[in-house]
Amino acid sequence: MSSQETSPAASAINDDLSVAAFMALLAEKRFEDIGFGEIARRAGISLAELRTKYTSKMAMLAAHMRELDRAVLAGIDAGMAEEEPRERLFDVLMRRLDLHAPHKQAVRSLRRSMMANPGLALALNGLALRSMQWMLTAADIPASGPKGMVRAQGLAMLYASVLRTWVDDDDPGQARTLAALDRAMASGARWAGFLNDLCRIPEAACRLGRRRRARRRDEREERGEETAAA
């Protein structure tokens, strides 16, 4: 195997016992109904050990998303490097969905809870934003700075819209999901164009401000010369 190839095992999600137990329970019941005691029992560990490792259920979700990010990054296809940014990102997001497939029921459950709980939705958006910065980076698309943050937020919203289709797509070929992602990517491309235009506005404003300041400075210097001559 070459250094650029990745074995299936290297791309698998390897949640620890606590997180795996939590995700299994999430597939069975609502987020708000899961208790720490049943997580510990399902994981086969003590409450003390669970408390040492995780402070909350959101911390377990964050750990799961970090592991999902890692698995996507471990499976980057070097052969996509010469493709257009949209194609690279499409490949990254489909790989993420494929890796998430074993947890589809948990994702469905979490989405239901999120729809009824704005606080949970806000917290999940924070986790998604961080993950989408990594997904953009995996596709070799800049994700830093203010523009990168806006791009990541847009991608988080795009991915969430695709998840609505994905959770109910039982076709092995994922035709509906592929179509939804393609539509979302097309919409995202239009948004990216708008974002580029929007980001040019402050740059133009700065240039205009510099020209105005220079003109006022020249005017003051001219008035000073006229006063001195008088």
Protein backbone atom coordinates (compact mmCIF):
# COMPACT_ATOMS: atom_id res chain seq x y z
CA MET A 1 0.00 0.00 0.00
CA SER A 2 1.41 3.42 -0.95
CA SER A 3 1.78 6.25 1.56
CA GLN A 4 -1.10 8.06 -0.15
CA GLU A 5 -3.54 5.18 0.18
CA THR A 6 -5.66 4.74 3.28
CA SER A 7 -6.95 1.45 4.62
CA PRO A 8 -10.64 1.21 5.54
CA ALA A 9 -9.66 0.78 9.16
CA ALA A 10 -7.83 4.10 9.12
CA SER A 11 -11.02 5.88 8.08
CA ALA A 12 -13.38 4.17 10.53
CA ILE A 13 -14.94 6.05 13.42
CA ASN A 14 -13.44 4.69 16.62
CA ASP A 15 -15.56 6.24 19.38
CA ASP A 16 -14.53 5.29 22.89
CA LEU A 17 -16.88 3.18 25.02
CA SER A 18 -18.65 6.13 26.61
CA VAL A 19 -19.32 7.94 23.35
CA ALA A 20 -20.32 4.72 21.57
CA ALA A 21 -22.81 3.98 24.38
CA PHE A 22 -24.20 7.50 24.19
CA MET A 23 -24.64 7.33 20.40
CA ALA A 24 -26.36 3.95 20.70
CA LEU A 25 -28.78 5.35 23.27
CA LEU A 26 -29.36 8.42 21.12
CA ALA A 27 -30.56 6.12 18.34
CA GLU A 28 -33.16 4.74 20.77
CA LYS A 29 -34.41 7.84 22.61
CA ARG A 30 -34.37 11.62 22.72
CA PHE A 31 -31.21 13.52 23.68
CA GLU A 32 -32.92 15.07 26.71
CA ASP A 33 -34.09 11.68 28.01
CA ILE A 34 -30.63 10.08 28.17
CA GLY A 35 -29.15 9.93 31.66
CA PHE A 36 -25.52 9.58 32.73
CA GLY A 37 -26.32 6.43 34.68
CA GLU A 38 -27.57 4.55 31.63
CA ILE A 39 -24.63 5.76 29.56
CA ALA A 40 -22.25 4.35 32.15
CA ARG A 41 -24.17 1.06 32.35
CA ARG A 42 -24.26 0.69 28.56
CA ALA A 43 -20.54 1.45 28.37
CA GLY A 44 -19.72 -0.92 31.23
CA ILE A 45 -17.91 1.71 33.24
CA SER A 46 -18.47 3.45 36.56
CA LEU A 47 -20.06 6.85 36.94
CA ALA A 48 -16.79 8.07 38.41
CA GLU A 49 -14.91 7.07 35.25
CA LEU A 50 -17.58 8.64 33.04
CA ARG A 51 -17.39 11.89 35.01
CA THR A 52 -13.61 11.91 34.74
CA LYS A 53 -13.77 11.65 30.96
CA TYR A 54 -16.79 13.82 30.09
CA THR A 55 -18.49 16.77 31.73
CA SER A 56 -21.72 16.65 29.71
CA LYS A 57 -23.60 14.97 26.89
CA MET A 58 -22.53 17.85 24.63
CA ALA A 59 -18.92 16.95 25.43
CA MET A 60 -19.66 13.41 24.22
CA LEU A 61 -21.19 14.77 21.02
CA ALA A 62 -18.14 16.98 20.55
CA ALA A 63 -15.87 13.94 20.97
CA HIS A 64 -17.91 12.01 18.40
CA MET A 65 -17.69 14.87 15.91
CA ARG A 66 -13.94 15.20 16.43
CA GLU A 67 -13.59 11.49 15.70
CA LEU A 68 -15.76 11.86 12.61
CA ASP A 69 -13.60 14.77 11.45
CA ARG A 70 -10.48 12.69 12.02
CA ALA A 71 -11.87 9.80 10.00
CA VAL A 72 -12.74 12.09 7.08
CA LEU A 73 -9.29 13.69 7.14
CA ALA A 74 -7.61 10.27 7.33
CA GLY A 75 -9.37 9.26 4.13
CA ILE A 76 -8.49 12.27 1.96
CA ASP A 77 -8.25 11.14 -1.66
CA ALA A 78 -4.99 12.45 -3.09
CA GLY A 79 -6.40 11.83 -6.57
CA MET A 80 -8.89 14.68 -6.06
CA ALA A 81 -6.16 17.31 -5.73
CA GLU A 82 -6.41 18.39 -9.37
CA GLU A 83 -10.22 18.64 -9.36
CA GLU A 84 -12.21 21.86 -9.02
CA PRO A 85 -12.91 23.05 -5.43
CA ARG A 86 -16.58 22.14 -5.74
CA GLU A 87 -15.73 18.56 -6.72
CA ARG A 88 -13.23 18.24 -3.88
CA LEU A 89 -15.76 19.49 -1.36
CA PHE A 90 -18.47 17.23 -2.78
CA ASP A 91 -16.16 14.24 -2.28
CA VAL A 92 -15.32 15.27 1.30
CA LEU A 93 -18.97 15.71 2.30
CA MET A 94 -20.04 12.41 0.74
CA ARG A 95 -17.23 10.66 2.61
CA ARG A 96 -18.49 12.28 5.81
CA LEU A 97 -22.03 11.03 5.15
CA ASP A 98 -20.74 7.53 4.41
CA LEU A 99 -18.84 7.46 7.69
CA HIS A 100 -21.88 8.74 9.55
CA ALA A 101 -24.14 6.02 8.11
CA PRO A 102 -23.93 3.68 11.16
CA HIS A 103 -25.29 6.55 13.27
CA LYS A 104 -28.17 7.58 11.03
CA GLN A 105 -30.80 6.80 13.67
CA ALA A 106 -28.88 8.86 16.23
CA VAL A 107 -28.64 11.78 13.81
CA ARG A 108 -32.38 11.55 13.13
CA SER A 109 -33.11 11.58 16.86
CA LEU A 110 -30.78 14.50 17.48
CA ARG A 111 -32.38 16.53 14.69
CA ARG A 112 -35.80 16.05 16.27
CA SER A 113 -34.54 17.25 19.64
CA MET A 114 -32.75 20.17 18.04
CA MET A 115 -35.93 21.36 16.31
CA ALA A 116 -37.67 21.64 19.68
CA ASN A 117 -34.71 23.05 21.61
CA PRO A 118 -33.13 26.32 20.36
CA GLY A 119 -30.35 26.10 22.94
CA LEU A 120 -29.36 22.65 21.73
CA ALA A 121 -29.54 23.87 18.12
CA LEU A 122 -27.18 26.76 18.93
CA ALA A 123 -24.71 24.46 20.69
CA LEU A 124 -24.78 21.99 17.80
CA ASN A 125 -24.17 24.80 15.34
CA GLY A 126 -21.00 25.68 17.24
CA LEU A 127 -19.76 22.10 16.90
CA ALA A 128 -20.76 21.98 13.24
CA LEU A 129 -18.99 25.24 12.49
CA ARG A 130 -15.71 23.86 13.82
CA SER A 131 -16.14 20.62 11.86
CA MET A 132 -16.95 22.44 8.64
CA GLN A 133 -13.75 24.47 8.92
CA TRP A 134 -11.90 21.16 8.85
CA MET A 135 -14.00 19.91 5.92
CA LEU A 136 -13.18 23.04 3.93
CA THR A 137 -9.51 22.56 4.75
CA ALA A 138 -9.75 18.92 3.65
CA ALA A 139 -11.02 20.19 0.29
CA ASP A 140 -8.13 22.71 0.17
CA ILE A 141 -10.53 25.66 0.49
CA PRO A 142 -9.45 28.52 2.80
CA ALA A 143 -11.30 28.39 6.12
CA SER A 144 -9.47 30.94 8.27
CA GLY A 145 -10.17 34.57 9.03
CA PRO A 146 -13.58 36.31 8.93
CA LYS A 147 -14.28 35.18 5.38
CA GLY A 148 -13.39 31.60 6.24
CA MET A 149 -15.73 31.68 9.25
CA VAL A 150 -18.61 32.90 7.11
CA ARG A 151 -17.77 30.23 4.53
CA ALA A 152 -17.77 27.55 7.26
CA GLN A 153 -21.11 28.76 8.62
CA GLY A 154 -22.59 28.62 5.14
CA LEU A 155 -21.26 25.08 4.71
CA ALA A 156 -22.72 24.06 8.08
CA MET A 157 -26.13 25.27 6.91
CA LEU A 158 -25.67 23.51 3.56
CA TYR A 159 -24.71 20.24 5.26
CA ALA A 160 -27.67 20.47 7.64
CA SER A 161 -30.01 20.87 4.68
CA VAL A 162 -28.57 17.74 3.06
CA LEU A 163 -28.95 15.80 6.31
CA ARG A 164 -32.71 16.35 6.11
CA THR A 165 -32.74 14.22 2.97
CA TRP A 166 -30.01 11.81 4.04
CA VAL A 167 -31.70 10.62 7.25
CA ASP A 168 -34.66 9.29 5.21
CA ASP A 169 -32.71 8.05 2.19
CA ASP A 170 -32.61 4.25 2.44
CA ASP A 171 -31.43 3.71 -1.14
CA PRO A 172 -27.99 2.00 -1.10
CA GLY A 173 -26.98 4.28 -3.97
CA GLN A 174 -28.13 7.36 -2.03
CA ALA A 175 -29.59 8.90 -5.16
CA ARG A 176 -31.74 11.39 -3.26
CA THR A 177 -28.83 12.42 -1.06
CA LEU A 178 -26.53 12.87 -4.05
CA ALA A 179 -29.14 15.03 -5.77
CA ALA A 180 -29.72 17.08 -2.61
CA LEU A 181 -26.00 17.65 -2.14
CA ASP A 182 -25.59 18.62 -5.80
CA ARG A 183 -28.40 21.19 -5.50
CA ALA A 184 -27.00 22.51 -2.25
CA MET A 185 -23.52 22.82 -3.74
CA ALA A 186 -24.92 24.78 -6.70
CA SER A 187 -26.67 27.11 -4.29
CA GLY A 188 -23.49 27.33 -2.24
CA ALA A 189 -21.51 28.35 -5.31
CA ARG A 190 -23.90 31.26 -5.85
CA TRP A 191 -23.54 32.20 -2.19
CA ALA A 192 -19.75 32.06 -2.49
CA GLY A 193 -19.93 34.49 -5.40
CA PHE A 194 -22.06 36.83 -3.33
CA LEU A 195 -19.65 36.47 -0.41
CA ASN A 196 -16.71 37.39 -2.62
CA ASP A 197 -18.57 40.50 -3.77
CA LEU A 198 -19.51 41.34 -0.20
CA CYS A 199 -15.94 40.97 1.02
CA ARG A 200 -14.74 43.34 -1.67
CA ILE A 201 -16.95 46.11 -0.26
CA PRO A 202 -14.82 46.74 2.88
CA GLU A 203 -11.68 46.66 0.74
CA ALA A 204 -13.13 49.28 -1.61
CA ALA A 205 -14.32 51.34 1.36
CA CYS A 206 -10.81 51.26 2.84
CA ARG A 207 -9.29 52.42 -0.43
CA LEU A 208 -11.86 55.23 -0.67
CA GLY A 209 -11.15 56.22 2.93
CA ARG A 210 -7.41 56.37 2.26
CA ARG A 211 -7.97 58.56 -0.80
CA ARG A 212 -10.22 60.92 1.17
CA ARG A 213 -7.72 61.21 4.02
CA ALA A 214 -4.93 61.92 1.55
CA ARG A 215 -7.03 64.58 -0.18
CA ARG A 216 -7.86 66.29 3.13
CA ARG A 217 -4.17 66.20 4.10
CA ASP A 218 -3.22 67.82 0.79
CA GLU A 219 -5.90 70.49 1.27
CA ARG A 220 -4.62 71.30 4.79
CA GLU A 221 -1.06 71.55 3.48
CA GLU A 222 -2.20 73.88 0.68
CA ARG A 223 -4.06 76.10 3.16
CA GLY A 224 -0.99 76.16 5.39
CA GLU A 225 1.21 77.25 2.47
CA GLU A 226 -1.27 79.99 1.52
CA THR A 227 -1.36 81.27 5.12
CA ALA A 228 2.40 81.32 5.32
CA ALA A 229 2.64 83.23 2.02
CA ALA A 230 0.17 85.82 3.24
